[in-house]
């Protein structure tokens, strides 16, 4: 009986891991699709650890514009900061 319970617990954990990996993949794909092209560009640079200033310089836009896009990205992805955004798209 103990072996059966251990096996059932192990299988449950495996199924949960598989389910949440698929859910996370689907969720992040849908979330990224909600972003404008410019927001996606900025998100990609943000995920490469570029600062707002570096992103502004790379895209030839103002720092204020980047900050606005970053805030919009956070709202659309339902995150509070860069680390949370990065964790959404980490593999």
N, C-alpha and C. Protein backbone atom coordinates (compact mmCIF):
# COMPACT_ATOMS: atom_id res chain seq x y z
N UNK A 1 0.83 -1.20 0.00
CA UNK A 1 0.00 0.00 0.00
C UNK A 1 0.87 1.26 0.00
N UNK A 2 1.95 1.25 0.76
CA UNK A 2 2.84 2.41 0.81
C UNK A 2 3.46 2.66 -0.56
N UNK A 3 3.87 1.58 -1.24
CA UNK A 3 4.46 1.73 -2.57
C UNK A 3 3.45 2.30 -3.56
N UNK A 4 2.22 1.86 -3.43
CA UNK A 4 1.16 2.38 -4.31
C UNK A 4 0.97 3.87 -4.08
N UNK A 5 0.95 4.31 -2.84
CA UNK A 5 0.78 5.73 -2.53
C UNK A 5 1.97 6.55 -3.02
N UNK A 6 3.18 6.02 -2.86
CA UNK A 6 4.36 6.71 -3.36
C UNK A 6 4.33 6.84 -4.87
N UNK A 7 3.94 5.76 -5.54
CA UNK A 7 3.85 5.79 -7.00
C UNK A 7 2.78 6.77 -7.46
N UNK A 8 1.64 6.77 -6.80
CA UNK A 8 0.56 7.70 -7.15
C UNK A 8 1.01 9.14 -6.95
N UNK A 9 1.71 9.39 -5.86
CA UNK A 9 2.21 10.73 -5.58
C UNK A 9 3.23 11.17 -6.64
N UNK A 10 4.11 10.27 -7.00
CA UNK A 10 5.12 10.57 -8.02
C UNK A 10 4.46 10.87 -9.36
N UNK A 11 3.51 10.06 -9.76
CA UNK A 11 2.81 10.28 -11.03
C UNK A 11 2.04 11.59 -11.01
N UNK A 12 1.43 11.91 -9.90
CA UNK A 12 0.71 13.18 -9.78
C UNK A 12 1.67 14.35 -9.95
N UNK A 13 2.82 14.29 -9.32
CA UNK A 13 3.81 15.36 -9.44
C UNK A 13 4.30 15.50 -10.88
N UNK A 14 4.53 14.40 -11.55
CA UNK A 14 4.98 14.44 -12.94
C UNK A 14 3.91 15.08 -13.82
N UNK A 15 2.67 14.69 -13.64
CA UNK A 15 1.58 15.26 -14.43
C UNK A 15 1.44 16.76 -14.18
N UNK A 16 1.59 17.18 -12.93
CA UNK A 16 1.50 18.61 -12.62
C UNK A 16 2.63 19.39 -13.29
N UNK A 17 3.82 18.86 -13.26
CA UNK A 17 4.96 19.54 -13.90
C UNK A 17 4.71 19.68 -15.40
N UNK A 18 4.28 18.61 -16.04
CA UNK A 18 4.01 18.64 -17.48
C UNK A 18 2.90 19.64 -17.79
N UNK A 19 1.83 19.61 -17.02
CA UNK A 19 0.71 20.52 -17.25
C UNK A 19 1.15 21.97 -17.12
N UNK A 20 1.86 22.31 -16.06
CA UNK A 20 2.24 23.70 -15.84
C UNK A 20 3.27 24.18 -16.85
N UNK A 21 4.12 23.30 -17.35
CA UNK A 21 5.06 23.69 -18.41
C UNK A 21 4.29 24.05 -19.67
N UNK A 22 3.29 23.24 -20.02
CA UNK A 22 2.47 23.54 -21.20
C UNK A 22 1.66 24.80 -20.98
N UNK A 23 1.09 24.96 -19.78
CA UNK A 23 0.29 26.15 -19.48
C UNK A 23 1.16 27.39 -19.56
N UNK A 24 2.34 27.35 -18.97
CA UNK A 24 3.25 28.50 -18.98
C UNK A 24 3.62 28.86 -20.41
N UNK A 25 3.91 27.86 -21.22
CA UNK A 25 4.28 28.10 -22.61
C UNK A 25 3.13 28.76 -23.36
N UNK A 26 1.92 28.27 -23.18
CA UNK A 26 0.75 28.83 -23.84
C UNK A 26 0.48 30.23 -23.33
N UNK A 27 0.60 30.43 -22.03
CA UNK A 27 0.33 31.73 -21.41
C UNK A 27 1.32 32.77 -21.89
N UNK A 28 2.59 32.45 -21.93
CA UNK A 28 3.59 33.44 -22.35
C UNK A 28 3.45 33.74 -23.82
N UNK A 29 3.08 32.76 -24.63
CA UNK A 29 2.88 32.99 -26.05
C UNK A 29 1.72 33.96 -26.25
N UNK A 30 0.60 33.73 -25.56
CA UNK A 30 -0.55 34.62 -25.67
C UNK A 30 -0.23 36.01 -25.15
N UNK A 31 0.51 36.09 -24.08
CA UNK A 31 0.85 37.39 -23.49
C UNK A 31 1.71 38.19 -24.46
N UNK A 32 2.68 37.55 -25.06
CA UNK A 32 3.57 38.26 -25.98
C UNK A 32 2.81 38.73 -27.22
N UNK A 33 1.79 37.97 -27.64
CA UNK A 33 0.99 38.36 -28.80
C UNK A 33 0.18 39.63 -28.54
N UNK A 34 -0.07 39.95 -27.28
CA UNK A 34 -0.83 41.15 -26.92
C UNK A 34 0.01 42.41 -27.07
N UNK A 35 1.31 42.26 -27.17
CA UNK A 35 2.19 43.42 -27.23
C UNK A 35 2.28 43.95 -28.66
N UNK A 36 2.45 45.27 -28.77
CA UNK A 36 2.70 45.86 -30.08
C UNK A 36 4.08 45.44 -30.55
N UNK A 37 4.36 45.69 -31.81
CA UNK A 37 5.67 45.33 -32.36
C UNK A 37 6.79 46.04 -31.60
N UNK A 38 6.59 47.33 -31.32
CA UNK A 38 7.62 48.09 -30.60
C UNK A 38 7.78 47.56 -29.17
N UNK A 39 6.67 47.21 -28.53
CA UNK A 39 6.75 46.64 -27.18
C UNK A 39 7.49 45.30 -27.21
N UNK A 40 7.26 44.50 -28.24
CA UNK A 40 7.98 43.23 -28.37
C UNK A 40 9.47 43.47 -28.56
N UNK A 41 9.81 44.48 -29.37
CA UNK A 41 11.23 44.82 -29.56
C UNK A 41 11.86 45.23 -28.23
N UNK A 42 11.16 46.07 -27.49
CA UNK A 42 11.68 46.54 -26.21
C UNK A 42 11.77 45.39 -25.22
N UNK A 43 10.77 44.52 -25.20
CA UNK A 43 10.81 43.36 -24.31
C UNK A 43 12.02 42.49 -24.62
N UNK A 44 12.29 42.25 -25.89
CA UNK A 44 13.45 41.43 -26.26
C UNK A 44 14.74 42.05 -25.75
N UNK A 45 14.87 43.37 -25.86
CA UNK A 45 16.07 44.04 -25.36
C UNK A 45 16.12 44.02 -23.84
N UNK A 46 14.95 44.18 -23.23
CA UNK A 46 14.85 44.11 -21.77
C UNK A 46 15.29 42.73 -21.27
N UNK A 47 14.89 41.69 -22.02
CA UNK A 47 15.27 40.32 -21.64
C UNK A 47 16.76 40.07 -21.82
N UNK A 48 17.43 40.93 -22.59
CA UNK A 48 18.88 40.84 -22.76
C UNK A 48 19.61 41.70 -21.73
N UNK A 49 18.90 42.13 -20.72
CA UNK A 49 19.46 42.91 -19.60
C UNK A 49 19.92 44.31 -19.99
N UNK A 50 19.32 44.87 -21.02
CA UNK A 50 19.66 46.25 -21.38
C UNK A 50 18.88 47.21 -20.49
N UNK A 51 19.50 48.30 -20.13
CA UNK A 51 18.83 49.33 -19.33
C UNK A 51 17.89 50.13 -20.23
N UNK A 52 17.01 50.90 -19.61
CA UNK A 52 16.10 51.75 -20.39
C UNK A 52 16.89 52.69 -21.29
N UNK A 53 17.97 53.26 -20.77
CA UNK A 53 18.80 54.19 -21.54
C UNK A 53 19.43 53.48 -22.74
N UNK A 54 19.94 52.27 -22.51
CA UNK A 54 20.55 51.51 -23.61
C UNK A 54 19.51 51.16 -24.68
N UNK A 55 18.31 50.81 -24.23
CA UNK A 55 17.23 50.50 -25.17
C UNK A 55 16.87 51.74 -25.98
N UNK A 56 16.75 52.88 -25.31
CA UNK A 56 16.43 54.14 -25.99
C UNK A 56 17.48 54.46 -27.05
N UNK A 57 18.73 54.32 -26.70
CA UNK A 57 19.82 54.59 -27.64
C UNK A 57 19.79 53.62 -28.82
N UNK A 58 19.54 52.36 -28.54
CA UNK A 58 19.53 51.34 -29.60
C UNK A 58 18.38 51.54 -30.58
N UNK A 59 17.24 52.01 -30.07
CA UNK A 59 16.06 52.18 -30.92
C UNK A 59 15.86 53.61 -31.41
N UNK A 60 16.77 54.50 -31.02
CA UNK A 60 16.70 55.91 -31.42
C UNK A 60 15.38 56.56 -31.00
N UNK A 61 14.98 56.29 -29.75
CA UNK A 61 13.79 56.92 -29.17
C UNK A 61 14.19 57.53 -27.84
N UNK A 62 13.29 58.33 -27.28
CA UNK A 62 13.61 58.98 -26.01
C UNK A 62 13.50 57.98 -24.85
N UNK A 63 14.16 58.32 -23.77
CA UNK A 63 14.09 57.52 -22.55
C UNK A 63 12.65 57.46 -22.04
N UNK A 64 11.95 58.57 -22.14
CA UNK A 64 10.56 58.63 -21.71
C UNK A 64 9.68 57.66 -22.51
N UNK A 65 9.94 57.56 -23.80
CA UNK A 65 9.18 56.63 -24.65
C UNK A 65 9.42 55.19 -24.21
N UNK A 66 10.66 54.86 -23.92
CA UNK A 66 10.98 53.51 -23.47
C UNK A 66 10.29 53.22 -22.15
N UNK A 67 10.33 54.17 -21.22
CA UNK A 67 9.68 53.96 -19.92
C UNK A 67 8.18 53.73 -20.09
N UNK A 68 7.56 54.47 -21.00
CA UNK A 68 6.13 54.28 -21.25
C UNK A 68 5.87 52.88 -21.80
N UNK A 69 6.67 52.46 -22.76
CA UNK A 69 6.51 51.11 -23.33
C UNK A 69 6.74 50.04 -22.27
N UNK A 70 7.76 50.21 -21.45
CA UNK A 70 8.05 49.22 -20.40
C UNK A 70 6.88 49.11 -19.44
N UNK A 71 6.31 50.24 -19.04
CA UNK A 71 5.14 50.20 -18.15
C UNK A 71 3.96 49.51 -18.82
N UNK A 72 3.75 49.76 -20.11
CA UNK A 72 2.68 49.08 -20.84
C UNK A 72 2.93 47.58 -20.91
N UNK A 73 4.18 47.20 -21.11
CA UNK A 73 4.55 45.78 -21.15
C UNK A 73 4.22 45.13 -19.81
N UNK A 74 4.61 45.77 -18.72
CA UNK A 74 4.34 45.23 -17.38
C UNK A 74 2.84 45.01 -17.18
N UNK A 75 2.04 46.00 -17.59
CA UNK A 75 0.58 45.88 -17.42
C UNK A 75 0.04 44.72 -18.23
N UNK A 76 0.46 44.63 -19.49
CA UNK A 76 -0.07 43.58 -20.37
C UNK A 76 0.37 42.19 -19.94
N UNK A 77 1.57 42.09 -19.40
CA UNK A 77 2.07 40.79 -18.94
C UNK A 77 1.68 40.50 -17.49
N UNK A 78 1.08 41.49 -16.85
CA UNK A 78 0.67 41.36 -15.45
C UNK A 78 1.86 41.04 -14.55
N UNK A 79 2.92 41.84 -14.72
CA UNK A 79 4.12 41.71 -13.88
C UNK A 79 4.44 43.07 -13.28
N UNK A 80 5.29 43.07 -12.27
CA UNK A 80 5.63 44.30 -11.55
C UNK A 80 7.00 44.85 -11.92
N UNK A 81 7.88 43.99 -12.45
CA UNK A 81 9.25 44.43 -12.70
C UNK A 81 9.92 43.54 -13.74
N UNK A 82 11.16 43.89 -14.07
CA UNK A 82 11.92 43.15 -15.08
C UNK A 82 12.14 41.70 -14.71
N UNK A 83 12.43 41.46 -13.45
CA UNK A 83 12.69 40.08 -13.03
C UNK A 83 11.47 39.19 -13.25
N UNK A 84 10.29 39.72 -12.95
CA UNK A 84 9.07 38.94 -13.18
C UNK A 84 8.85 38.72 -14.67
N UNK A 85 9.11 39.73 -15.48
CA UNK A 85 8.98 39.58 -16.93
C UNK A 85 9.95 38.53 -17.44
N UNK A 86 11.18 38.58 -16.95
CA UNK A 86 12.19 37.59 -17.37
C UNK A 86 11.78 36.18 -16.98
N UNK A 87 11.22 36.04 -15.78
CA UNK A 87 10.85 34.70 -15.33
C UNK A 87 9.71 34.12 -16.17
N UNK A 88 8.87 34.99 -16.73
CA UNK A 88 7.81 34.52 -17.61
C UNK A 88 8.37 33.84 -18.86
N UNK A 89 9.48 34.36 -19.35
CA UNK A 89 10.01 33.88 -20.62
C UNK A 89 11.27 33.03 -20.46
N UNK A 90 11.62 32.71 -19.23
CA UNK A 90 12.79 31.84 -19.02
C UNK A 90 12.40 30.41 -19.35
N UNK A 91 13.38 29.66 -19.79
CA UNK A 91 13.09 28.27 -20.20
C UNK A 91 13.50 27.30 -19.13
